Amino acid sequence: MFSKDIHILVVDDSLNIRRMVVDTLQRLGFSKITSAEDVPEAESKLEYFSKTENKIGLILSDLNMPGPSGLDFLKSVRDRSDTKDLPFLLVTTESEKGAVIQAAALGVSSYVVKPFTVEIMSKRIKDAWTKHNS
């Protein structure tokens, strides 16, 4: 089982969605949460924390963002030797199901459809953690 002490990176271009995801994670007992509003900022934070004892242990990323997308970020994470096995959840809308198939081919751990409940988020995080740490 995963620890509530893991460091989570939340990536979404919408401030309201970022706040909702962070709030949900906090309600689940997580306290080490870093957020980014786009992929370049997320990649910078991932790189920064990779050099510390507070490494990112889980990523939740929006799929559809201006500039590089969540799929682009997933591919970038999977291409790096130090992050290739990191649990990665995509946050999608119902209309983006086709992209979920593409994400599966790129190695996504799981996905969460907006709007989501605390229970669904908890289950998806557990699924992703189990997939990469069993």
Protein backbone atom coordinates (compact mmCIF):
# COMPACT_ATOMS: atom_id res chain seq x y z
CA MET A 1 0.00 0.00 0.00
CA PHE A 2 1.16 3.51 -0.73
CA SER A 3 2.02 6.06 1.90
CA LYS A 4 0.04 9.27 2.34
CA ASP A 5 3.51 10.80 2.57
CA ILE A 6 4.18 10.56 -1.18
CA HIS A 7 4.82 13.80 -3.06
CA ILE A 8 2.17 14.43 -5.73
CA LEU A 9 2.47 16.70 -8.77
CA VAL A 10 -0.86 18.10 -10.04
CA VAL A 11 -0.84 19.62 -13.55
CA ASP A 12 -3.83 21.50 -14.97
CA ASP A 13 -4.18 24.77 -16.87
CA SER A 14 -7.41 25.57 -14.99
CA LEU A 15 -6.82 27.07 -11.54
CA ASN A 16 -10.28 25.88 -10.41
CA ILE A 17 -9.59 22.28 -11.44
CA ARG A 18 -6.12 22.37 -9.83
CA ARG A 19 -7.71 23.58 -6.60
CA MET A 20 -10.39 20.88 -6.80
CA VAL A 21 -7.80 18.13 -7.34
CA VAL A 22 -5.56 19.45 -4.54
CA ASP A 23 -8.57 19.74 -2.20
CA THR A 24 -9.57 16.16 -3.01
CA LEU A 25 -6.03 14.91 -2.36
CA GLN A 26 -5.91 16.78 0.95
CA ARG A 27 -9.26 15.24 1.94
CA LEU A 28 -7.67 11.85 1.23
CA GLY A 29 -4.86 12.69 3.67
CA PHE A 30 -2.08 13.73 1.28
CA SER A 31 -0.09 16.80 2.28
CA LYS A 32 2.95 16.92 -0.04
CA ILE A 33 1.34 18.39 -3.16
CA THR A 34 2.99 20.56 -5.80
CA SER A 35 1.01 22.04 -8.66
CA ALA A 36 1.82 23.38 -12.12
CA GLU A 37 -0.33 25.20 -14.66
CA ASP A 38 1.27 23.72 -17.79
CA VAL A 39 3.65 21.04 -19.00
CA PRO A 40 6.82 23.20 -19.11
CA GLU A 41 6.27 24.22 -15.46
CA ALA A 42 5.51 20.60 -14.53
CA GLU A 43 8.68 19.36 -16.23
CA SER A 44 10.70 22.02 -14.42
CA LYS A 45 9.25 21.01 -11.05
CA LEU A 46 9.74 17.31 -11.78
CA GLU A 47 13.37 18.00 -12.62
CA TYR A 48 13.87 20.20 -9.54
CA PHE A 49 12.39 17.69 -7.09
CA SER A 50 14.29 14.79 -8.72
CA LYS A 51 17.43 16.32 -7.16
CA THR A 52 15.97 16.43 -3.64
CA GLU A 53 14.85 13.93 -1.02
CA ASN A 54 11.27 15.06 -1.77
CA LYS A 55 11.01 13.36 -5.18
CA ILE A 56 7.66 13.29 -6.97
CA GLY A 57 5.98 9.91 -6.37
CA LEU A 58 2.74 10.37 -8.33
CA ILE A 59 1.54 12.63 -11.15
CA LEU A 60 -2.03 13.74 -11.87
CA SER A 61 -2.19 15.62 -15.15
CA ASP A 62 -4.98 17.14 -17.19
CA LEU A 63 -5.15 15.65 -20.67
CA ASN A 64 -6.16 18.71 -22.66
CA MET A 65 -3.98 21.79 -22.08
CA PRO A 66 -2.75 24.56 -24.37
CA GLY A 67 0.76 23.93 -25.62
CA PRO A 68 2.12 20.50 -24.76
CA SER A 69 -0.78 18.24 -23.71
CA GLY A 70 -1.07 15.72 -20.91
CA LEU A 71 -0.20 13.04 -23.47
CA ASP A 72 2.97 14.95 -24.37
CA PHE A 73 3.85 15.14 -20.68
CA LEU A 74 3.13 11.43 -20.20
CA LYS A 75 5.43 10.58 -23.11
CA SER A 76 8.15 12.83 -21.67
CA VAL A 77 7.84 11.21 -18.22
CA ARG A 78 7.96 7.69 -19.71
CA ASP A 79 11.01 8.58 -21.84
CA ARG A 80 13.11 9.55 -18.79
CA SER A 81 14.94 6.74 -17.02
CA ASP A 82 14.35 8.24 -13.57
CA THR A 83 10.57 8.70 -14.04
CA LYS A 84 9.57 5.95 -16.46
CA ASP A 85 7.90 3.89 -13.71
CA LEU A 86 6.22 6.80 -11.92
CA PRO A 87 2.46 6.32 -11.36
CA PHE A 88 0.74 8.75 -13.76
CA LEU A 89 -2.99 9.52 -13.79
CA LEU A 90 -4.62 11.50 -16.56
CA VAL A 91 -7.57 13.68 -15.66
CA THR A 92 -10.00 13.71 -18.61
CA THR A 93 -13.50 14.63 -19.64
CA GLU A 94 -16.02 12.09 -20.90
CA SER A 95 -15.54 13.36 -24.48
CA GLU A 96 -11.79 12.53 -24.45
CA LYS A 97 -12.17 8.74 -24.25
CA GLY A 98 -10.38 8.22 -27.57
CA ALA A 99 -7.27 9.85 -26.13
CA VAL A 100 -7.37 7.42 -23.19
CA ILE A 101 -6.63 4.58 -25.62
CA GLN A 102 -3.62 6.53 -26.91
CA ALA A 103 -2.59 7.20 -23.30
CA ALA A 104 -2.77 3.49 -22.51
CA ALA A 105 -0.33 2.82 -25.36
CA LEU A 106 2.01 5.44 -23.89
CA GLY A 107 1.92 3.82 -20.44
CA VAL A 108 -0.64 5.79 -18.42
CA SER A 109 -1.27 4.18 -15.03
CA SER A 110 -4.95 5.10 -14.78
CA TYR A 111 -7.30 7.96 -15.51
CA VAL A 112 -9.94 9.97 -13.71
CA VAL A 113 -12.97 11.40 -15.53
CA LYS A 114 -14.17 14.88 -14.52
CA PRO A 115 -16.25 15.47 -12.50
CA PHE A 116 -14.97 12.95 -9.95
CA THR A 117 -15.69 12.05 -6.34
CA VAL A 118 -13.23 11.60 -3.48
CA GLU A 119 -13.96 7.84 -3.61
CA ILE A 120 -13.21 7.58 -7.34
CA MET A 121 -9.98 9.57 -6.94
CA SER A 122 -8.90 7.29 -4.08
CA LYS A 123 -9.61 4.15 -6.13
CA ARG A 124 -7.76 5.44 -9.20
CA ILE A 125 -4.70 6.43 -7.13
CA LYS A 126 -4.66 2.95 -5.53
CA ASP A 127 -4.99 1.33 -8.98
CA ALA A 128 -2.10 3.39 -10.37
CA TRP A 129 0.07 2.73 -7.32
CA THR A 130 -0.57 -1.02 -7.49
CA LYS A 131 0.24 -1.10 -11.21
CA HIS A 132 3.70 0.36 -10.61
CA ASN A 133 4.56 -1.03 -7.20
CA SER A 134 3.35 -4.64 -7.16
